[in-house]
Amino acid sequence: EATGGAGGAALTRCVSCTADVFAREYWGRAPLLSRAAELRGSFTDL
């Protein structure tokens, strides 16, 4: 939020949860598998 990250637009391409949930439950703690249907599109643009 402080860095103006457009609501975590890059992060939410990588995880199927909100930035807050990722920070609280997964960051440095546990693996997270996110399926394509839960994300915002493929990665072929990258």
PDB file of all heavy atoms in Angstrom:
ATOM      1  N   GLU A   1       0.827  -1.197   0.000  1.00  0.00           N
ATOM      2  CA  GLU A   1       0.000   0.000   0.000  1.00  0.00           C
ATOM      3  C   GLU A   1       0.867   1.255   0.000  1.00  0.00           C
ATOM      4  O   GLU A   1       0.610   2.212  -0.733  1.00  0.00           O
ATOM      5  CB  GLU A   1      -0.912  -0.005   1.221  1.00  0.00           C
ATOM      6  CG  GLU A   1      -1.830   1.209   1.318  1.00  0.00           C
ATOM      7  CD  GLU A   1      -2.723   1.160   2.536  1.00  0.00           C
ATOM      8  OE1 GLU A   1      -2.689   0.147   3.250  1.00  0.00           O
ATOM      9  OE2 GLU A   1      -3.437   2.139   2.783  1.00  0.00           O
ATOM     10  N   ALA A   2       1.942   1.253   0.814  1.00  0.00           N
ATOM     11  CA  ALA A   2       2.777   2.439   0.950  1.00  0.00           C
ATOM     12  C   ALA A   2       3.549   2.753  -0.314  1.00  0.00           C
ATOM     13  O   ALA A   2       3.842   3.911  -0.614  1.00  0.00           O
ATOM     14  CB  ALA A   2       3.753   2.249   2.118  1.00  0.00           C
ATOM     15  N   THR A   3       3.927   1.714  -1.083  1.00  0.00           N
ATOM     16  CA  THR A   3       4.700   1.946  -2.297  1.00  0.00           C
ATOM     17  C   THR A   3       3.823   2.177  -3.511  1.00  0.00           C
ATOM     18  O   THR A   3       4.319   2.289  -4.626  1.00  0.00           O
ATOM     19  CB  THR A   3       5.623   0.743  -2.584  1.00  0.00           C
ATOM     20  OG1 THR A   3       4.844  -0.453  -2.581  1.00  0.00           O
ATOM     21  CG2 THR A   3       6.717   0.622  -1.540  1.00  0.00           C
ATOM     22  N   GLY A   4       2.538   2.262  -3.327  1.00  0.00           N
ATOM     23  CA  GLY A   4       1.652   2.562  -4.449  1.00  0.00           C
ATOM     24  C   GLY A   4       1.599   1.455  -5.459  1.00  0.00           C
ATOM     25  O   GLY A   4       1.596   1.697  -6.658  1.00  0.00           O
ATOM     26  N   GLY A   5       1.579   0.205  -4.989  1.00  0.00           N
ATOM     27  CA  GLY A   5       1.685  -0.948  -5.876  1.00  0.00           C
ATOM     28  C   GLY A   5       0.396  -1.340  -6.563  1.00  0.00           C
ATOM     29  O   GLY A   5       0.199  -2.504  -6.867  1.00  0.00           O
ATOM     30  N   ALA A   6      -0.475  -0.411  -6.818  1.00  0.00           N
ATOM     31  CA  ALA A   6      -1.702  -0.691  -7.585  1.00  0.00           C
ATOM     32  C   ALA A   6      -2.449  -1.882  -7.011  1.00  0.00           C
ATOM     33  O   ALA A   6      -2.914  -2.769  -7.709  1.00  0.00           O
ATOM     34  CB  ALA A   6      -1.363  -0.932  -9.058  1.00  0.00           C
ATOM     35  N   GLY A   7      -2.539  -1.874  -5.647  1.00  0.00           N
ATOM     36  CA  GLY A   7      -3.265  -2.955  -4.993  1.00  0.00           C
ATOM     37  C   GLY A   7      -2.563  -4.290  -5.080  1.00  0.00           C
ATOM     38  O   GLY A   7      -3.155  -5.340  -4.950  1.00  0.00           O
ATOM     39  N   GLY A   8      -1.227  -4.258  -5.253  1.00  0.00           N
ATOM     40  CA  GLY A   8      -0.487  -5.504  -5.360  1.00  0.00           C
ATOM     41  C   GLY A   8      -0.710  -6.184  -6.685  1.00  0.00           C
ATOM     42  O   GLY A   8      -0.824  -7.410  -6.744  1.00  0.00           O
ATOM     43  N   ALA A   9      -0.771  -5.417  -7.768  1.00  0.00           N
ATOM     44  CA  ALA A   9      -1.131  -5.976  -9.070  1.00  0.00           C
ATOM     45  C   ALA A   9      -0.158  -7.031  -9.549  1.00  0.00           C
ATOM     46  O   ALA A   9      -0.564  -8.007 -10.184  1.00  0.00           O
ATOM     47  CB  ALA A   9      -1.237  -4.853 -10.097  1.00  0.00           C
ATOM     48  N   ALA A  10       1.155  -6.879  -9.260  1.00  0.00           N
ATOM     49  CA  ALA A  10       2.121  -7.899  -9.668  1.00  0.00           C
ATOM     50  C   ALA A  10       2.025  -9.111  -8.751  1.00  0.00           C
ATOM     51  O   ALA A  10       2.040 -10.256  -9.209  1.00  0.00           O
ATOM     52  CB  ALA A  10       3.532  -7.322  -9.661  1.00  0.00           C
ATOM     53  N   LEU A  11       1.923  -8.885  -7.455  1.00  0.00           N
ATOM     54  CA  LEU A  11       1.830  -9.996  -6.512  1.00  0.00           C
ATOM     55  C   LEU A  11       0.591 -10.846  -6.763  1.00  0.00           C
ATOM     56  O   LEU A  11       0.659 -12.082  -6.731  1.00  0.00           O
ATOM     57  CB  LEU A  11       1.815  -9.472  -5.074  1.00  0.00           C
ATOM     58  CG  LEU A  11       1.605 -10.533  -3.988  1.00  0.00           C
ATOM     59  CD1 LEU A  11       2.719 -11.569  -4.015  1.00  0.00           C
ATOM     60  CD2 LEU A  11       1.511  -9.889  -2.616  1.00  0.00           C
ATOM     61  N   THR A  12      -0.534 -10.211  -7.024  1.00  0.00           N
ATOM     62  CA  THR A  12      -1.766 -10.984  -7.184  1.00  0.00           C
ATOM     63  C   THR A  12      -1.814 -11.745  -8.507  1.00  0.00           C
ATOM     64  O   THR A  12      -2.732 -12.541  -8.718  1.00  0.00           O
ATOM     65  CB  THR A  12      -3.004 -10.075  -7.067  1.00  0.00           C
ATOM     66  OG1 THR A  12      -2.898  -8.974  -7.975  1.00  0.00           O
ATOM     67  CG2 THR A  12      -3.137  -9.551  -5.647  1.00  0.00           C
ATOM     68  N   ARG A  13      -0.832 -11.549  -9.375  1.00  0.00           N
ATOM     69  CA  ARG A  13      -0.669 -12.434 -10.528  1.00  0.00           C
ATOM     70  C   ARG A  13      -0.070 -13.759 -10.087  1.00  0.00           C
ATOM     71  O   ARG A  13      -0.170 -14.754 -10.807  1.00  0.00           O
ATOM     72  CB  ARG A  13       0.227 -11.799 -11.591  1.00  0.00           C
ATOM     73  CG  ARG A  13      -0.355 -10.603 -12.284  1.00  0.00           C
ATOM     74  CD  ARG A  13       0.368 -10.331 -13.589  1.00  0.00           C
ATOM     75  NE  ARG A  13       0.158 -11.429 -14.536  1.00  0.00           N
ATOM     76  CZ  ARG A  13       0.601 -11.420 -15.790  1.00  0.00           C
ATOM     77  NH1 ARG A  13       1.278 -10.380 -16.251  1.00  0.00           N
ATOM     78  NH2 ARG A  13       0.362 -12.430 -16.592  1.00  0.00           N
ATOM     79  N   CYS A  14       0.584 -13.767  -8.920  1.00  0.00           N
ATOM     80  CA  CYS A  14       1.349 -14.924  -8.474  1.00  0.00           C
ATOM     81  C   CYS A  14       0.660 -15.740  -7.393  1.00  0.00           C
ATOM     82  O   CYS A  14       1.078 -16.875  -7.125  1.00  0.00           O
ATOM     83  CB  CYS A  14       2.708 -14.465  -7.930  1.00  0.00           C
ATOM     84  SG  CYS A  14       3.666 -13.416  -9.044  1.00  0.00           S
ATOM     85  N   VAL A  15      -0.344 -15.170  -6.739  1.00  0.00           N
ATOM     86  CA  VAL A  15      -0.999 -15.869  -5.624  1.00  0.00           C
ATOM     87  C   VAL A  15      -2.505 -15.746  -5.755  1.00  0.00           C
ATOM     88  O   VAL A  15      -3.021 -14.774  -6.300  1.00  0.00           O
ATOM     89  CB  VAL A  15      -0.540 -15.315  -4.260  1.00  0.00           C
ATOM     90  CG1 VAL A  15       0.950 -15.556  -4.051  1.00  0.00           C
ATOM     91  CG2 VAL A  15      -0.867 -13.838  -4.116  1.00  0.00           C
ATOM     92  N   SER A  16      -3.215 -16.733  -5.204  1.00  0.00           N
ATOM     93  CA  SER A  16      -4.670 -16.773  -5.317  1.00  0.00           C
ATOM     94  C   SER A  16      -5.364 -16.193  -4.099  1.00  0.00           C
ATOM     95  O   SER A  16      -6.543 -16.447  -3.880  1.00  0.00           O
ATOM     96  CB  SER A  16      -5.128 -18.223  -5.520  1.00  0.00           C
ATOM     97  OG  SER A  16      -4.644 -19.039  -4.468  1.00  0.00           O
ATOM     98  N   CYS A  17      -4.636 -15.410  -3.300  1.00  0.00           N
ATOM     99  CA  CYS A  17      -5.217 -14.780  -2.123  1.00  0.00           C
ATOM    100  C   CYS A  17      -4.886 -13.297  -2.152  1.00  0.00           C
ATOM    101  O   CYS A  17      -4.141 -12.833  -3.014  1.00  0.00           O
ATOM    102  CB  CYS A  17      -4.676 -15.420  -0.835  1.00  0.00           C
ATOM    103  SG  CYS A  17      -2.886 -15.301  -0.661  1.00  0.00           S
ATOM    104  N   THR A  18      -5.424 -12.548  -1.217  1.00  0.00           N
ATOM    105  CA  THR A  18      -5.113 -11.129  -1.143  1.00  0.00           C
ATOM    106  C   THR A  18      -3.700 -10.928  -0.618  1.00  0.00           C
ATOM    107  O   THR A  18      -3.096 -11.823  -0.013  1.00  0.00           O
ATOM    108  CB  THR A  18      -6.092 -10.402  -0.210  1.00  0.00           C
ATOM    109  OG1 THR A  18      -5.897 -10.899   1.128  1.00  0.00           O
ATOM    110  CG2 THR A  18      -7.539 -10.620  -0.649  1.00  0.00           C
ATOM    111  N   ALA A  19      -3.171  -9.722  -0.824  1.00  0.00           N
ATOM    112  CA  ALA A  19      -1.840  -9.399  -0.323  1.00  0.00           C
ATOM    113  C   ALA A  19      -1.778  -9.546   1.188  1.00  0.00           C
ATOM    114  O   ALA A  19      -0.771 -10.010   1.742  1.00  0.00           O
ATOM    115  CB  ALA A  19      -1.461  -7.978  -0.744  1.00  0.00           C
ATOM    116  N   ASP A  20      -2.843  -9.163   1.873  1.00  0.00           N
ATOM    117  CA  ASP A  20      -2.861  -9.233   3.327  1.00  0.00           C
ATOM    118  C   ASP A  20      -2.812 -10.683   3.804  1.00  0.00           C
ATOM    119  O   ASP A  20      -2.067 -11.019   4.737  1.00  0.00           O
ATOM    120  CB  ASP A  20      -4.112  -8.540   3.873  1.00  0.00           C
ATOM    121  CG  ASP A  20      -4.124  -8.486   5.388  1.00  0.00           C
ATOM    122  OD1 ASP A  20      -3.231  -7.844   5.948  1.00  0.00           O
ATOM    123  OD2 ASP A  20      -5.017  -9.096   6.003  1.00  0.00           O
ATOM    124  N   VAL A  21      -3.586 -11.549   3.181  1.00  0.00           N
ATOM    125  CA  VAL A  21      -3.573 -12.968   3.557  1.00  0.00           C
ATOM    126  C   VAL A  21      -2.214 -13.585   3.246  1.00  0.00           C
ATOM    127  O   VAL A  21      -1.661 -14.363   4.042  1.00  0.00           O
ATOM    128  CB  VAL A  21      -4.701 -13.733   2.837  1.00  0.00           C
ATOM    129  CG1 VAL A  21      -4.530 -15.247   3.011  1.00  0.00           C
ATOM    130  CG2 VAL A  21      -6.061 -13.289   3.358  1.00  0.00           C
ATOM    131  N   PHE A  22      -1.653 -13.241   2.095  1.00  0.00           N
ATOM    132  CA  PHE A  22      -0.326 -13.762   1.747  1.00  0.00           C
ATOM    133  C   PHE A  22       0.700 -13.353   2.801  1.00  0.00           C
ATOM    134  O   PHE A  22       1.503 -14.178   3.256  1.00  0.00           O
ATOM    135  CB  PHE A  22       0.094 -13.261   0.370  1.00  0.00           C
ATOM    136  CG  PHE A  22       1.495 -13.652   0.000  1.00  0.00           C
ATOM    137  CD1 PHE A  22       1.782 -14.949  -0.383  1.00  0.00           C
ATOM    138  CD2 PHE A  22       2.528 -12.732   0.078  1.00  0.00           C
ATOM    139  CE1 PHE A  22       3.086 -15.333  -0.694  1.00  0.00           C
ATOM    140  CE2 PHE A  22       3.835 -13.090  -0.236  1.00  0.00           C
ATOM    141  CZ  PHE A  22       4.117 -14.401  -0.620  1.00  0.00           C
ATOM    142  N   ALA A  23       0.675 -12.071   3.187  1.00  0.00           N
ATOM    143  CA  ALA A  23       1.637 -11.570   4.166  1.00  0.00           C
ATOM    144  C   ALA A  23       1.473 -12.259   5.511  1.00  0.00           C
ATOM    145  O   ALA A  23       2.455 -12.588   6.183  1.00  0.00           O
ATOM    146  CB  ALA A  23       1.470 -10.060   4.324  1.00  0.00           C
ATOM    147  N   ARG A  24       0.252 -12.503   5.898  1.00  0.00           N
ATOM    148  CA  ARG A  24      -0.028 -13.024   7.236  1.00  0.00           C
ATOM    149  C   ARG A  24       0.163 -14.536   7.328  1.00  0.00           C
ATOM    150  O   ARG A  24       0.659 -15.051   8.334  1.00  0.00           O
ATOM    151  CB  ARG A  24      -1.462 -12.657   7.632  1.00  0.00           C
ATOM    152  CG  ARG A  24      -1.836 -13.050   9.064  1.00  0.00           C
ATOM    153  CD  ARG A  24      -3.220 -12.548   9.442  1.00  0.00           C
ATOM    154  NE  ARG A  24      -4.270 -13.138   8.626  1.00  0.00           N
ATOM    155  CZ  ARG A  24      -4.971 -12.480   7.705  1.00  0.00           C
ATOM    156  NH1 ARG A  24      -4.702 -11.200   7.460  1.00  0.00           N
ATOM    157  NH2 ARG A  24      -5.920 -13.094   7.007  1.00  0.00           N
ATOM    158  N   GLU A  25      -0.208 -15.266   6.276  1.00  0.00           N
ATOM    159  CA  GLU A  25      -0.265 -16.720   6.395  1.00  0.00           C
ATOM    160  C   GLU A  25       0.814 -17.470   5.610  1.00  0.00           C
ATOM    161  O   GLU A  25       1.106 -18.635   5.941  1.00  0.00           O
ATOM    162  CB  GLU A  25      -1.648 -17.214   5.952  1.00  0.00           C
ATOM    163  CG  GLU A  25      -2.786 -16.666   6.808  1.00  0.00           C
ATOM    164  CD  GLU A  25      -4.141 -17.203   6.386  1.00  0.00           C
ATOM    165  OE1 GLU A  25      -4.175 -18.160   5.583  1.00  0.00           O
ATOM    166  OE2 GLU A  25      -5.174 -16.661   6.853  1.00  0.00           O
ATOM    167  N   TYR A  26       1.392 -16.842   4.592  1.00  0.00           N
ATOM    168  CA  TYR A  26       2.306 -17.593   3.728  1.00  0.00           C
ATOM    169  C   TYR A  26       3.719 -17.035   3.670  1.00  0.00           C
ATOM    170  O   TYR A  26       4.672 -17.814   3.596  1.00  0.00           O
ATOM    171  CB  TYR A  26       1.722 -17.671   2.302  1.00  0.00           C
ATOM    172  CG  TYR A  26       0.424 -18.440   2.247  1.00  0.00           C
ATOM    173  CD1 TYR A  26      -0.793 -17.775   2.186  1.00  0.00           C
ATOM    174  CD2 TYR A  26       0.415 -19.828   2.293  1.00  0.00           C
ATOM    175  CE1 TYR A  26      -1.990 -18.483   2.152  1.00  0.00           C
ATOM    176  CE2 TYR A  26      -0.775 -20.545   2.261  1.00  0.00           C
ATOM    177  CZ  TYR A  26      -1.976 -19.867   2.191  1.00  0.00           C
ATOM    178  OH  TYR A  26      -3.149 -20.563   2.167  1.00  0.00           O
ATOM    179  N   TRP A  27       3.892 -15.727   3.660  1.00  0.00           N
ATOM    180  CA  TRP A  27       5.216 -15.123   3.478  1.00  0.00           C
ATOM    181  C   TRP A  27       6.203 -15.677   4.505  1.00  0.00           C
ATOM    182  O   TRP A  27       6.056 -15.496   5.696  1.00  0.00           O
ATOM    183  CB  TRP A  27       5.127 -13.605   3.586  1.00  0.00           C
ATOM    184  CG  TRP A  27       6.444 -12.886   3.634  1.00  0.00           C
ATOM    185  CD1 TRP A  27       6.966 -12.209   4.690  1.00  0.00           C
ATOM    186  CD2 TRP A  27       7.396 -12.761   2.570  1.00  0.00           C
ATOM    187  NE1 TRP A  27       8.184 -11.662   4.353  1.00  0.00           N
ATOM    188  CE2 TRP A  27       8.475 -11.990   3.062  1.00  0.00           C
ATOM    189  CE3 TRP A  27       7.442 -13.232   1.257  1.00  0.00           C
ATOM    190  CZ2 TRP A  27       9.581 -11.672   2.286  1.00  0.00           C
ATOM    191  CZ3 TRP A  27       8.552 -12.917   0.476  1.00  0.00           C
ATOM    192  CH2 TRP A  27       9.604 -12.147   0.988  1.00  0.00           C
ATOM    193  N   GLY A  28       7.223 -16.408   4.016  1.00  0.00           N
ATOM    194  CA  GLY A  28       8.245 -16.976   4.870  1.00  0.00           C
ATOM    195  C   GLY A  28       7.767 -18.108   5.745  1.00  0.00           C
ATOM    196  O   GLY A  28       8.520 -18.593   6.611  1.00  0.00           O
ATOM    197  N   ARG A  29       6.528 -18.582   5.555  1.00  0.00           N
ATOM    198  CA  ARG A  29       5.947 -19.577   6.450  1.00  0.00           C
ATOM    199  C   ARG A  29       5.566 -20.884   5.758  1.00  0.00           C
ATOM    200  O   ARG A  29       5.893 -21.957   6.252  1.00  0.00           O
ATOM    201  CB  ARG A  29       4.691 -19.011   7.124  1.00  0.00           C
ATOM    202  CG  ARG A  29       4.953 -17.878   8.095  1.00  0.00           C
ATOM    203  CD  ARG A  29       3.641 -17.405   8.721  1.00  0.00           C
ATOM    204  NE  ARG A  29       3.852 -16.345   9.698  1.00  0.00           N
ATOM    205  CZ  ARG A  29       3.925 -15.053   9.393  1.00  0.00           C
ATOM    206  NH1 ARG A  29       3.776 -14.662   8.132  1.00  0.00           N
ATOM    207  NH2 ARG A  29       4.133 -14.152  10.336  1.00  0.00           N
ATOM    208  N   ALA A  30       4.843 -20.795   4.647  1.00  0.00           N
ATOM    209  CA  ALA A  30       4.268 -22.019   4.083  1.00  0.00           C
ATOM    210  C   ALA A  30       4.141 -21.902   2.566  1.00  0.00           C
ATOM    211  O   ALA A  30       3.932 -20.807   2.038  1.00  0.00           O
ATOM    212  CB  ALA A  30       2.879 -22.277   4.690  1.00  0.00           C
ATOM    213  N   PRO A  31       4.240 -23.032   1.839  1.00  0.00           N
ATOM    214  CA  PRO A  31       4.021 -23.017   0.394  1.00  0.00           C
ATOM    215  C   PRO A  31       2.568 -22.671   0.072  1.00  0.00           C
ATOM    216  O   PRO A  31       1.666 -22.900   0.882  1.00  0.00           O
ATOM    217  CB  PRO A  31       4.345 -24.449  -0.040  1.00  0.00           C
ATOM    218  CG  PRO A  31       5.127 -25.042   1.090  1.00  0.00           C
ATOM    219  CD  PRO A  31       4.634 -24.359   2.328  1.00  0.00           C
ATOM    220  N   LEU A  32       2.370 -22.144  -1.121  1.00  0.00           N
ATOM    221  CA  LEU A  32       1.015 -21.832  -1.599  1.00  0.00           C
ATOM    222  C   LEU A  32       0.918 -22.208  -3.065  1.00  0.00           C
ATOM    223  O   LEU A  32       1.655 -21.671  -3.902  1.00  0.00           O
ATOM    224  CB  LEU A  32       0.704 -20.343  -1.417  1.00  0.00           C
ATOM    225  CG  LEU A  32      -0.613 -19.856  -2.037  1.00  0.00           C
ATOM    226  CD1 LEU A  32      -1.800 -20.563  -1.403  1.00  0.00           C
ATOM    227  CD2 LEU A  32      -0.745 -18.343  -1.899  1.00  0.00           C
ATOM    228  N   LEU A  33       0.023 -23.141  -3.372  1.00  0.00           N
ATOM    229  CA  LEU A  33      -0.252 -23.536  -4.757  1.00  0.00           C
ATOM    230  C   LEU A  33      -1.486 -22.792  -5.234  1.00  0.00           C
ATOM    231  O   LEU A  33      -2.544 -22.861  -4.614  1.00  0.00           O
ATOM    232  CB  LEU A  33      -0.471 -25.041  -4.838  1.00  0.00           C
ATOM    233  CG  LEU A  33      -0.916 -25.601  -6.189  1.00  0.00           C
ATOM    234  CD1 LEU A  33       0.126 -25.334  -7.262  1.00  0.00           C
ATOM    235  CD2 LEU A  33      -1.200 -27.109  -6.063  1.00  0.00           C
ATOM    236  N   SER A  34      -1.354 -22.065  -6.341  1.00  0.00           N
ATOM    237  CA  SER A  34      -2.476 -21.315  -6.921  1.00  0.00           C
ATOM    238  C   SER A  34      -2.708 -21.823  -8.332  1.00  0.00           C
ATOM    239  O   SER A  34      -1.791 -21.787  -9.170  1.00  0.00           O
ATOM    240  CB  SER A  34      -2.164 -19.818  -6.952  1.00  0.00           C
ATOM    241  OG  SER A  34      -1.892 -19.321  -5.648  1.00  0.00           O
ATOM    242  N   ARG A  35      -3.914 -22.290  -8.604  1.00  0.00           N
ATOM    243  CA  ARG A  35      -4.237 -22.813  -9.921  1.00  0.00           C
ATOM    244  C   ARG A  35      -4.627 -21.683 -10.871  1.00  0.00           C
ATOM    245  O   ARG A  35      -5.059 -20.599 -10.453  1.00  0.00           O
ATOM    246  CB  ARG A  35      -5.378 -23.819  -9.821  1.00  0.00           C
ATOM    247  CG  ARG A  35      -5.019 -25.080  -9.044  1.00  0.00           C
ATOM    248  CD  ARG A  35      -3.901 -25.853  -9.728  1.00  0.00           C
ATOM    249  NE  ARG A  35      -3.659 -27.136  -9.074  1.00  0.00           N
ATOM    250  CZ  ARG A  35      -2.685 -27.979  -9.425  1.00  0.00           C
ATOM    251  NH1 ARG A  35      -1.856 -27.651 -10.424  1.00  0.00           N
ATOM    252  NH2 ARG A  35      -2.522 -29.122  -8.792  1.00  0.00           N
ATOM    253  N   ALA A  36      -4.480 -21.962 -12.161  1.00  0.00           N
ATOM    254  CA  ALA A  36      -4.747 -20.949 -13.184  1.00  0.00           C
ATOM    255  C   ALA A  36      -6.145 -20.369 -13.055  1.00  0.00           C
ATOM    256  O   ALA A  36      -6.348 -19.163 -13.240  1.00  0.00           O
ATOM    257  CB  ALA A  36      -4.544 -21.555 -14.573  1.00  0.00           C
ATOM    258  N   ALA A  37      -7.125 -21.207 -12.726  1.00  0.00           N
ATOM    259  CA  ALA A  37      -8.508 -20.734 -12.623  1.00  0.00           C
ATOM    260  C   ALA A  37      -8.694 -19.734 -11.493  1.00  0.00           C
ATOM    261  O   ALA A  37      -9.664 -18.970 -11.486  1.00  0.00           O
ATOM    262  CB  ALA A  37      -9.444 -21.926 -12.416  1.00  0.00           C
ATOM    263  N   GLU A  38      -7.753 -19.711 -10.532  1.00  0.00           N
ATOM    264  CA  GLU A  38      -7.852 -18.803  -9.392  1.00  0.00           C
ATOM    265  C   GLU A  38      -7.075 -17.506  -9.618  1.00  0.00           C
ATOM    266  O   GLU A  38      -7.163 -16.586  -8.808  1.00  0.00           O
ATOM    267  CB  GLU A  38      -7.293 -19.477  -8.136  1.00  0.00           C
ATOM    268  CG  GLU A  38      -7.955 -20.808  -7.790  1.00  0.00           C
ATOM    269  CD  GLU A  38      -7.219 -21.514  -6.675  1.00  0.00           C
ATOM    270  OE1 GLU A  38      -6.080 -21.970  -6.901  1.00  0.00           O
ATOM    271  OE2 GLU A  38      -7.796 -21.597  -5.571  1.00  0.00           O
ATOM    272  N   LEU A  39      -6.316 -17.447 -10.705  1.00  0.00           N
ATOM    273  CA  LEU A  39      -5.461 -16.293 -10.981  1.00  0.00           C
ATOM    274  C   LEU A  39      -6.042 -15.450 -12.107  1.00  0.00           C
ATOM    275  O   LEU A  39      -7.133 -15.716 -12.608  1.00  0.00           O
ATOM    276  CB  LEU A  39      -4.043 -16.771 -11.307  1.00  0.00           C
ATOM    277  CG  LEU A  39      -3.354 -17.550 -10.178  1.00  0.00           C
ATOM    278  CD1 LEU A  39      -2.012 -18.100 -10.653  1.00  0.00           C
ATOM    279  CD2 LEU A  39      -3.150 -16.662  -8.958  1.00  0.00           C
ATOM    280  N   ARG A  40      -5.267 -14.427 -12.526  1.00  0.00           N
ATOM    281  CA  ARG A  40      -5.809 -13.430 -13.466  1.00  0.00           C
ATOM    282  C   ARG A  40      -5.308 -13.625 -14.887  1.00  0.00           C
ATOM    283  O   ARG A  40      -5.143 -12.669 -15.619  1.00  0.00           O
ATOM    284  CB  ARG A  40      -5.445 -12.023 -12.986  1.00  0.00           C
ATOM    285  CG  ARG A  40      -6.077 -11.671 -11.648  1.00  0.00           C
ATOM    286  CD  ARG A  40      -5.925 -10.195 -11.328  1.00  0.00           C
ATOM    287  NE  ARG A  40      -4.544  -9.816 -11.118  1.00  0.00           N
ATOM    288  CZ  ARG A  40      -3.827  -9.078 -11.937  1.00  0.00           C
ATOM    289  NH1 ARG A  40      -4.353  -8.638 -13.073  1.00  0.00           N
ATOM    290  NH2 ARG A  40      -2.584  -8.748 -11.665  1.00  0.00           N
ATOM    291  N   GLY A  41      -5.050 -14.850 -15.292  1.00  0.00           N
ATOM    292  CA  GLY A  41      -4.630 -15.069 -16.668  1.00  0.00           C
ATOM    293  C   GLY A  41      -3.304 -15.790 -16.736  1.00  0.00           C
ATOM    294  O   GLY A  41      -2.645 -16.047 -15.724  1.00  0.00           O
ATOM    295  N   SER A  42      -2.883 -16.140 -17.941  1.00  0.00           N
ATOM    296  CA  SER A  42      -1.648 -16.891 -18.137  1.00  0.00           C
ATOM    297  C   SER A  42      -0.441 -15.966 -17.984  1.00  0.00           C
ATOM    298  O   SER A  42      -0.580 -14.762 -17.768  1.00  0.00           O
ATOM    299  CB  SER A  42      -1.636 -17.533 -19.522  1.00  0.00           C
ATOM    300  OG  SER A  42      -1.453 -16.536 -20.518  1.00  0.00           O
ATOM    301  N   PHE A  43       0.747 -16.547 -18.144  1.00  0.00           N
ATOM    302  CA  PHE A  43       1.985 -15.781 -18.010  1.00  0.00           C
ATOM    303  C   PHE A  43       2.699 -15.612 -19.350  1.00  0.00           C
ATOM    304  O   PHE A  43       3.865 -15.202 -19.395  1.00  0.00           O
ATOM    305  CB  PHE A  43       2.912 -16.481 -17.010  1.00  0.00           C
ATOM    306  CG  PHE A  43       2.272 -16.698 -15.670  1.00  0.00           C
ATOM    307  CD1 PHE A  43       1.983 -17.973 -15.218  1.00  0.00           C
ATOM    308  CD2 PHE A  43       1.930 -15.617 -14.871  1.00  0.00           C
ATOM    309  CE1 PHE A  43       1.388 -18.178 -13.983  1.00  0.00           C
ATOM    310  CE2 PHE A  43       1.327 -15.804 -13.636  1.00  0.00           C
ATOM    311  CZ  PHE A  43       1.055 -17.085 -13.188  1.00  0.00           C
ATOM    312  N   THR A  44       2.002 -15.918 -20.452  1.00  0.00           N
ATOM    313  CA  THR A  44       2.653 -15.846 -21.759  1.00  0.00           C
ATOM    314  C   THR A  44       2.949 -14.408 -22.192  1.00  0.00           C
ATOM    315  O   THR A  44       3.739 -14.203 -23.113  1.00  0.00           O
ATOM    316  CB  THR A  44       1.802 -16.542 -22.831  1.00  0.00           C
ATOM    317  OG1 THR A  44       0.480 -15.981 -22.825  1.00  0.00           O
ATOM    318  CG2 THR A  44       1.710 -18.032 -22.563  1.00  0.00           C
ATOM    319  N   ASP A  45       2.316 -13.415 -21.539  1.00  0.00           N
ATOM    320  CA  ASP A  45       2.677 -12.032 -21.844  1.00  0.00           C
ATOM    321  C   ASP A  45       4.045 -11.681 -21.267  1.00  0.00           C
ATOM    322  O   ASP A  45       4.697 -10.745 -21.727  1.00  0.00           O
ATOM    323  CB  ASP A  45       1.626 -11.069 -21.294  1.00  0.00           C
ATOM    324  CG  ASP A  45       1.473 -11.181 -19.783  1.00  0.00           C
ATOM    325  OD1 ASP A  45       1.352 -12.323 -19.280  1.00  0.00           O
ATOM    326  OD2 ASP A  45       1.492 -10.141 -19.107  1.00  0.00           O
ATOM    327  N   LEU A  46       4.489 -12.451 -20.273  1.00  0.00           N
ATOM    328  CA  LEU A  46       5.803 -12.214 -19.667  1.00  0.00           C
ATOM    329  C   LEU A  46       6.905 -12.940 -20.429  1.00  0.00           C
ATOM    330  O   LEU A  46       8.023 -12.427 -20.563  1.00  0.00           O
ATOM    331  CB  LEU A  46       5.794 -12.670 -18.208  1.00  0.00           C
ATOM    332  CG  LEU A  46       4.764 -11.996 -17.291  1.00  0.00           C
ATOM    333  CD1 LEU A  46       4.846 -12.590 -15.888  1.00  0.00           C
ATOM    334  CD2 LEU A  46       4.981 -10.487 -17.255  1.00  0.00           C
TER     335      LEU A  46
END
